[in-house]
C-alpha atoms as a PDB file:
ATOM      1  CA  MET A   1      41.086  40.096  53.797  1.00  0.00           C
ATOM      2  CA  ALA A   2      41.450  40.282  57.588  1.00  0.00           C
ATOM      3  CA  VAL A   3      43.428  43.168  59.028  1.00  0.00           C
ATOM      4  CA  GLU A   4      45.860  42.332  61.805  1.00  0.00           C
ATOM      5  CA  PRO A   5      45.269  44.456  64.908  1.00  0.00           C
ATOM      6  CA  VAL A   6      48.045  46.942  65.648  1.00  0.00           C
ATOM      7  CA  ARG A   7      50.081  45.790  68.654  1.00  0.00           C
ATOM      8  CA  ARG A   8      51.452  48.238  71.159  1.00  0.00           C
ATOM      9  CA  PRO A   9      55.178  48.160  71.797  1.00  0.00           C
ATOM     10  CA  GLY A  10      56.344  45.946  74.637  1.00  0.00           C
ATOM     11  CA  ARG A  11      54.955  42.707  75.938  1.00  0.00           C
ATOM     12  CA  PRO A  12      51.320  42.596  77.062  1.00  0.00           C
ATOM     13  CA  ARG A  13      50.691  42.291  80.762  1.00  0.00           C
ATOM     14  CA  SER A  14      50.171  38.627  81.633  1.00  0.00           C
ATOM     15  CA  GLU A  15      47.219  38.056  83.955  1.00  0.00           C
ATOM     16  CA  ASP A  16      48.967  35.009  85.426  1.00  0.00           C
ATOM     17  CA  ALA A  17      52.060  37.067  86.218  1.00  0.00           C
ATOM     18  CA  ARG A  18      49.938  39.904  87.607  1.00  0.00           C
ATOM     19  CA  HIS A  19      48.083  37.494  89.871  1.00  0.00           C
ATOM     20  CA  ALA A  20      51.388  35.955  91.006  1.00  0.00           C
ATOM     21  CA  VAL A  21      52.738  39.412  91.891  1.00  0.00           C
ATOM     22  CA  LEU A  22      49.635  40.409  93.861  1.00  0.00           C
ATOM     23  CA  THR A  23      49.608  37.093  95.729  1.00  0.00           C
ATOM     24  CA  ALA A  24      53.346  37.317  96.459  1.00  0.00           C
ATOM     25  CA  THR A  25      52.907  40.841  97.817  1.00  0.00           C
ATOM     26  CA  LEU A  26      50.291  39.781 100.356  1.00  0.00           C
ATOM     27  CA  GLU A  27      52.223  36.632 101.315  1.00  0.00           C
ATOM     28  CA  LEU A  28      55.452  38.563 101.924  1.00  0.00           C
ATOM     29  CA  ALA A  29      53.597  41.254 103.861  1.00  0.00           C
ATOM     30  CA  ALA A  30      52.187  38.547 106.127  1.00  0.00           C
ATOM     31  CA  GLU A  31      55.616  37.002 106.652  1.00  0.00           C
ATOM     32  CA  SER A  32      57.804  40.059 107.136  1.00  0.00           C
ATOM     33  CA  GLY A  33      55.404  42.936 107.678  1.00  0.00           C
ATOM     34  CA  PRO A  34      54.893  45.848 105.297  1.00  0.00           C
ATOM     35  CA  ALA A  35      58.314  47.279 106.155  1.00  0.00           C
ATOM     36  CA  GLY A  36      59.976  44.073 104.955  1.00  0.00           C
ATOM     37  CA  LEU A  37      58.474  44.268 101.479  1.00  0.00           C
ATOM     38  CA  THR A  38      60.822  45.077  98.628  1.00  0.00           C
ATOM     39  CA  MET A  39      60.315  45.135  94.888  1.00  0.00           C
ATOM     40  CA  GLY A  40      63.113  42.595  94.564  1.00  0.00           C
ATOM     41  CA  GLY A  41      61.507  40.272  97.077  1.00  0.00           C
ATOM     42  CA  ILE A  42      58.118  40.543  95.392  1.00  0.00           C
ATOM     43  CA  ALA A  43      59.622  39.850  91.983  1.00  0.00           C
ATOM     44  CA  GLU A  44      61.527  36.812  93.257  1.00  0.00           C
ATOM     45  CA  ARG A  45      58.508  35.322  95.030  1.00  0.00           C
ATOM     46  CA  ALA A  46      56.260  35.937  92.015  1.00  0.00           C
ATOM     47  CA  GLY A  47      58.778  34.510  89.548  1.00  0.00           C
ATOM     48  CA  VAL A  48      59.011  37.669  87.447  1.00  0.00           C
ATOM     49  CA  SER A  49      61.890  40.029  86.754  1.00  0.00           C
ATOM     50  CA  LYS A  50      62.274  43.335  88.586  1.00  0.00           C
ATOM     51  CA  GLU A  51      62.137  44.999  85.181  1.00  0.00           C
ATOM     52  CA  THR A  52      58.709  43.478  84.587  1.00  0.00           C
ATOM     53  CA  LEU A  53      57.551  44.622  88.004  1.00  0.00           C
ATOM     54  CA  TYR A  54      58.713  48.189  87.425  1.00  0.00           C
ATOM     55  CA  ARG A  55      57.163  48.213  83.960  1.00  0.00           C
ATOM     56  CA  TRP A  56      53.744  47.547  85.494  1.00  0.00           C
ATOM     57  CA  TRP A  57      54.066  49.425  88.800  1.00  0.00           C
ATOM     58  CA  HIS A  58      56.216  52.424  89.656  1.00  0.00           C
ATOM     59  CA  SER A  59      56.632  51.660  93.330  1.00  0.00           C
ATOM     60  CA  LYS A  60      56.083  49.133  96.092  1.00  0.00           C
ATOM     61  CA  THR A  61      53.159  51.242  97.288  1.00  0.00           C
ATOM     62  CA  GLU A  62      51.370  50.857  93.960  1.00  0.00           C
ATOM     63  CA  VAL A  63      51.801  47.076  94.120  1.00  0.00           C
ATOM     64  CA  VAL A  64      50.483  46.939  97.694  1.00  0.00           C
ATOM     65  CA  LEU A  65      47.467  49.103  96.869  1.00  0.00           C
ATOM     66  CA  GLU A  66      46.570  47.002  93.838  1.00  0.00           C
ATOM     67  CA  ALA A  67      47.097  43.778  95.814  1.00  0.00           C
ATOM     68  CA  LEU A  68      44.756  44.985  98.554  1.00  0.00           C
ATOM     69  CA  ALA A  69      42.165  46.263  96.082  1.00  0.00           C
ATOM     70  CA  HIS A  70      42.262  42.989  94.149  1.00  0.00           C
ATOM     71  CA  TYR A  71      41.973  40.999  97.385  1.00  0.00           C
ATOM     72  CA  GLY A  72      38.975  43.097  98.424  1.00  0.00           C
ATOM     73  CA  ASP A  73      37.302  42.568  95.052  1.00  0.00           C
ATOM     74  CA  GLU A  74      37.851  38.803  95.294  1.00  0.00           C
ATOM     75  CA  ALA A  75      37.005  38.325  98.976  1.00  0.00           C
ATOM     76  CA  ILE A  76      34.081  40.719  99.353  1.00  0.00           C
ATOM     77  CA  PRO A  77      31.242  40.192  96.876  1.00  0.00           C
ATOM     78  CA  VAL A  78      28.860  42.922  95.779  1.00  0.00           C
ATOM     79  CA  PRO A  79      25.643  41.025  96.509  1.00  0.00           C
ATOM     80  CA  ASP A  80      22.338  41.569  94.751  1.00  0.00           C
ATOM     81  CA  THR A  81      19.743  39.488  96.582  1.00  0.00           C
ATOM     82  CA  GLY A  82      16.944  42.006  96.051  1.00  0.00           C
ATOM     83  CA  SER A  83      16.999  42.977  99.727  1.00  0.00           C
ATOM     84  CA  LEU A  84      19.073  45.676 101.442  1.00  0.00           C
ATOM     85  CA  ALA A  85      19.050  43.688 104.678  1.00  0.00           C
ATOM     86  CA  LYS A  86      20.450  40.551 103.051  1.00  0.00           C
ATOM     87  CA  ASP A  87      22.898  42.421 100.846  1.00  0.00           C
ATOM     88  CA  LEU A  88      24.362  44.323 103.792  1.00  0.00           C
ATOM     89  CA  ARG A  89      24.681  41.146 105.858  1.00  0.00           C
ATOM     90  CA  VAL A  90      26.568  39.402 103.052  1.00  0.00           C
ATOM     91  CA  PHE A  91      28.799  42.417 102.403  1.00  0.00           C
ATOM     92  CA  MET A  92      29.608  43.098 106.051  1.00  0.00           C
ATOM     93  CA  ARG A  93      30.252  39.469 106.983  1.00  0.00           C
ATOM     94  CA  ALA A  94      32.570  39.065 104.005  1.00  0.00           C
ATOM     95  CA  THR A  95      34.343  42.288 104.994  1.00  0.00           C
ATOM     96  CA  SER A  96      34.872  40.992 108.512  1.00  0.00           C
ATOM     97  CA  LYS A  97      36.179  37.678 107.237  1.00  0.00           C
ATOM     98  CA  ALA A  98      38.578  39.409 104.827  1.00  0.00           C
ATOM     99  CA  LEU A  99      40.119  41.421 107.672  1.00  0.00           C
ATOM    100  CA  ASP A 100      42.639  38.771 108.652  1.00  0.00           C
ATOM    101  CA  HIS A 101      45.852  39.612 110.542  1.00  0.00           C
ATOM    102  CA  ARG A 102      47.828  40.229 107.339  1.00  0.00           C
ATOM    103  CA  THR A 103      45.251  42.598 105.907  1.00  0.00           C
ATOM    104  CA  ARG A 104      44.841  44.510 109.154  1.00  0.00           C
ATOM    105  CA  GLN A 105      48.590  44.994 109.409  1.00  0.00           C
ATOM    106  CA  LEU A 106      48.804  46.367 105.872  1.00  0.00           C
ATOM    107  CA  LEU A 107      45.812  48.655 106.357  1.00  0.00           C
ATOM    108  CA  ARG A 108      47.246  50.069 109.598  1.00  0.00           C
ATOM    109  CA  THR A 109      50.506  50.815 107.805  1.00  0.00           C
ATOM    110  CA  LEU A 110      48.651  52.577 104.993  1.00  0.00           C
ATOM    111  CA  ALA A 111      46.692  54.640 107.530  1.00  0.00           C
ATOM    112  CA  ALA A 112      49.842  55.668 109.401  1.00  0.00           C
ATOM    113  CA  GLN A 113      51.661  56.683 106.232  1.00  0.00           C
ATOM    114  CA  SER A 114      48.576  58.520 104.986  1.00  0.00           C
ATOM    115  CA  ALA A 115      48.411  60.553 108.195  1.00  0.00           C
ATOM    116  CA  ALA A 116      52.014  61.661 107.697  1.00  0.00           C
ATOM    117  CA  ASP A 117      51.957  62.260 103.931  1.00  0.00           C
ATOM    118  CA  PRO A 118      49.014  63.988 102.190  1.00  0.00           C
ATOM    119  CA  THR A 119      50.256  62.929  98.745  1.00  0.00           C
ATOM    120  CA  PHE A 120      50.361  59.303  99.850  1.00  0.00           C
ATOM    121  CA  ALA A 121      46.894  59.731 101.387  1.00  0.00           C
ATOM    122  CA  ASP A 122      45.590  60.891  98.008  1.00  0.00           C
ATOM    123  CA  GLN A 123      47.054  57.795  96.359  1.00  0.00           C
ATOM    124  CA  VAL A 124      45.514  55.453  98.956  1.00  0.00           C
ATOM    125  CA  ARG A 125      42.159  57.171  98.624  1.00  0.00           C
ATOM    126  CA  GLU A 126      42.153  57.058  94.822  1.00  0.00           C
ATOM    127  CA  GLU A 127      43.618  53.579  94.275  1.00  0.00           C
ATOM    128  CA  PHE A 128      42.158  51.624  97.184  1.00  0.00           C
ATOM    129  CA  ILE A 129      39.561  53.339  99.356  1.00  0.00           C
ATOM    130  CA  ALA A 130      37.512  54.657  96.431  1.00  0.00           C
ATOM    131  CA  ARG A 131      37.233  51.122  95.056  1.00  0.00           C
ATOM    132  CA  ARG A 132      35.912  49.696  98.334  1.00  0.00           C
ATOM    133  CA  ARG A 133      33.492  52.610  98.772  1.00  0.00           C
ATOM    134  CA  ALA A 134      32.205  52.111  95.222  1.00  0.00           C
ATOM    135  CA  ALA A 135      31.479  48.455  95.955  1.00  0.00           C
ATOM    136  CA  LEU A 136      29.286  49.316  98.941  1.00  0.00           C
ATOM    137  CA  ALA A 137      27.742  52.269  97.108  1.00  0.00           C
ATOM    138  CA  GLU A 138      26.583  49.855  94.395  1.00  0.00           C
ATOM    139  CA  VAL A 139      24.677  47.822  96.999  1.00  0.00           C
ATOM    140  CA  LEU A 140      23.126  50.970  98.472  1.00  0.00           C
ATOM    141  CA  GLU A 141      22.205  52.483  95.102  1.00  0.00           C
ATOM    142  CA  ARG A 142      20.172  49.380  94.275  1.00  0.00           C
ATOM    143  CA  ALA A 143      18.406  49.736  97.632  1.00  0.00           C
ATOM    144  CA  VAL A 144      17.612  53.376  96.803  1.00  0.00           C
ATOM    145  CA  LYS A 145      16.101  52.309  93.461  1.00  0.00           C
ATOM    146  CA  ARG A 146      13.962  49.699  95.236  1.00  0.00           C
ATOM    147  CA  GLY A 147      12.765  52.366  97.706  1.00  0.00           C
ATOM    148  CA  GLU A 148      14.422  50.704 100.713  1.00  0.00           C
ATOM    149  CA  LEU A 149      16.829  53.548 101.455  1.00  0.00           C
ATOM    150  CA  ALA A 150      16.551  57.319 101.145  1.00  0.00           C
ATOM    151  CA  PRO A 151      19.061  58.745  98.643  1.00  0.00           C
ATOM    152  CA  ALA A 152      20.499  61.113 101.250  1.00  0.00           C
ATOM    153  CA  ARG A 153      21.229  58.153 103.543  1.00  0.00           C
ATOM    154  CA  ALA A 154      23.294  56.233 100.991  1.00  0.00           C
ATOM    155  CA  ALA A 155      26.394  58.462 101.141  1.00  0.00           C
ATOM    156  CA  VAL A 156      26.200  58.745 104.927  1.00  0.00           C
ATOM    157  CA  THR A 157      25.883  54.968 105.188  1.00  0.00           C
ATOM    158  CA  VAL A 158      29.129  54.470 103.253  1.00  0.00           C
ATOM    159  CA  ASP A 159      30.872  56.832 105.706  1.00  0.00           C
ATOM    160  CA  PHE A 160      29.250  55.087 108.663  1.00  0.00           C
ATOM    161  CA  VAL A 161      30.328  51.611 107.577  1.00  0.00           C
ATOM    162  CA  PHE A 162      33.914  52.459 106.705  1.00  0.00           C
ATOM    163  CA  GLY A 163      34.246  54.966 109.538  1.00  0.00           C
ATOM    164  CA  SER A 164      33.390  52.205 111.986  1.00  0.00           C
ATOM    165  CA  LEU A 165      35.842  49.845 110.304  1.00  0.00           C
ATOM    166  CA  TRP A 166      38.803  52.249 110.274  1.00  0.00           C
ATOM    167  CA  TYR A 167      38.113  53.530 113.827  1.00  0.00           C
ATOM    168  CA  ARG A 168      38.230  50.008 115.209  1.00  0.00           C
ATOM    169  CA  LEU A 169      41.123  49.013 112.983  1.00  0.00           C
ATOM    170  CA  ILE A 170      43.388  51.934 113.864  1.00  0.00           C
ATOM    171  CA  PHE A 171      42.576  52.432 117.531  1.00  0.00           C
ATOM    172  CA  GLY A 172      41.578  48.918 118.547  1.00  0.00           C
ATOM    173  CA  VAL A 173      38.446  50.091 120.367  1.00  0.00           C
ATOM    174  CA  GLY A 174      36.486  47.012 119.375  1.00  0.00           C
ATOM    175  CA  SER A 175      36.594  43.852 117.352  1.00  0.00           C
ATOM    176  CA  LEU A 176      35.929  43.526 113.638  1.00  0.00           C
ATOM    177  CA  ASP A 177      34.224  40.167 113.960  1.00  0.00           C
ATOM    178  CA  ARG A 178      30.913  38.802 112.716  1.00  0.00           C
ATOM    179  CA  ALA A 179      29.026  40.406 115.623  1.00  0.00           C
ATOM    180  CA  TRP A 180      30.390  43.807 114.566  1.00  0.00           C
ATOM    181  CA  ALA A 181      29.475  43.093 110.945  1.00  0.00           C
ATOM    182  CA  ASP A 182      25.894  42.225 111.865  1.00  0.00           C
ATOM    183  CA  ALA A 183      25.554  45.202 114.215  1.00  0.00           C
ATOM    184  CA  VAL A 184      26.708  47.608 111.517  1.00  0.00           C
ATOM    185  CA  ALA A 185      24.417  46.027 108.927  1.00  0.00           C
ATOM    186  CA  ASP A 186      21.460  46.215 111.292  1.00  0.00           C
ATOM    187  CA  SER A 187      22.169  49.863 112.141  1.00  0.00           C
ATOM    188  CA  VAL A 188      21.258  51.033 108.647  1.00  0.00           C
ATOM    189  CA  PRO A 189      17.575  52.052 108.600  1.00  0.00           C
ATOM    190  CA  GLY A 190      15.473  49.494 106.766  1.00  0.00           C
ATOM    191  CA  SER A 191      18.173  46.830 106.844  1.00  0.00           C
ATOM    192  CA  THR A 192      17.422  44.706 109.889  1.00  0.00           C
ATOM    193  CA  ALA A 193      17.592  41.062 108.861  1.00  0.00           C
ATOM    194  CA  GLU A 194      17.082  37.717 110.436  1.00  0.00           C
ATOM    195  CA  PRO A 195      20.403  35.950 111.260  1.00  0.00           C
END
């Protein structure tokens, strides 16, 4: 006789609804800027109730961080071509492409709020930045195992890549285009690739 699994109280989180919320968040941020985002507006655009939204996320910040993390996961693959040079090219070019106007605007807002609020900075680091760093670290760890990269260089490389990105993003000292992506990829020892 089959035993029915015990269900937790409340309705399960619908992946369709979750995806609609994350998409709505990025769309609204593009239209009205991060300051114009509200939980009510997100709920209306996504076609869910505010109660549903607050059941899954405690604040607008949590929704934005998950939307950005999800977008990064979808837009920036974690390649495994068997070559550090090729993997870095794929990763960096996808990163550059993902940094559209909407995403840059949201990331600048997160950086500004993080600078003013250490608690918020912790949340951004734990819920968004750590996820992006882990994606690149996965690429580099495979390169270490193949003997293409010294273990000590892997952690520094993650800082180098994202340090370059955030420095250009926040201060506008250079572009974040394909040329930047290739230059960063080629700056990692052992990673120079043909275009």
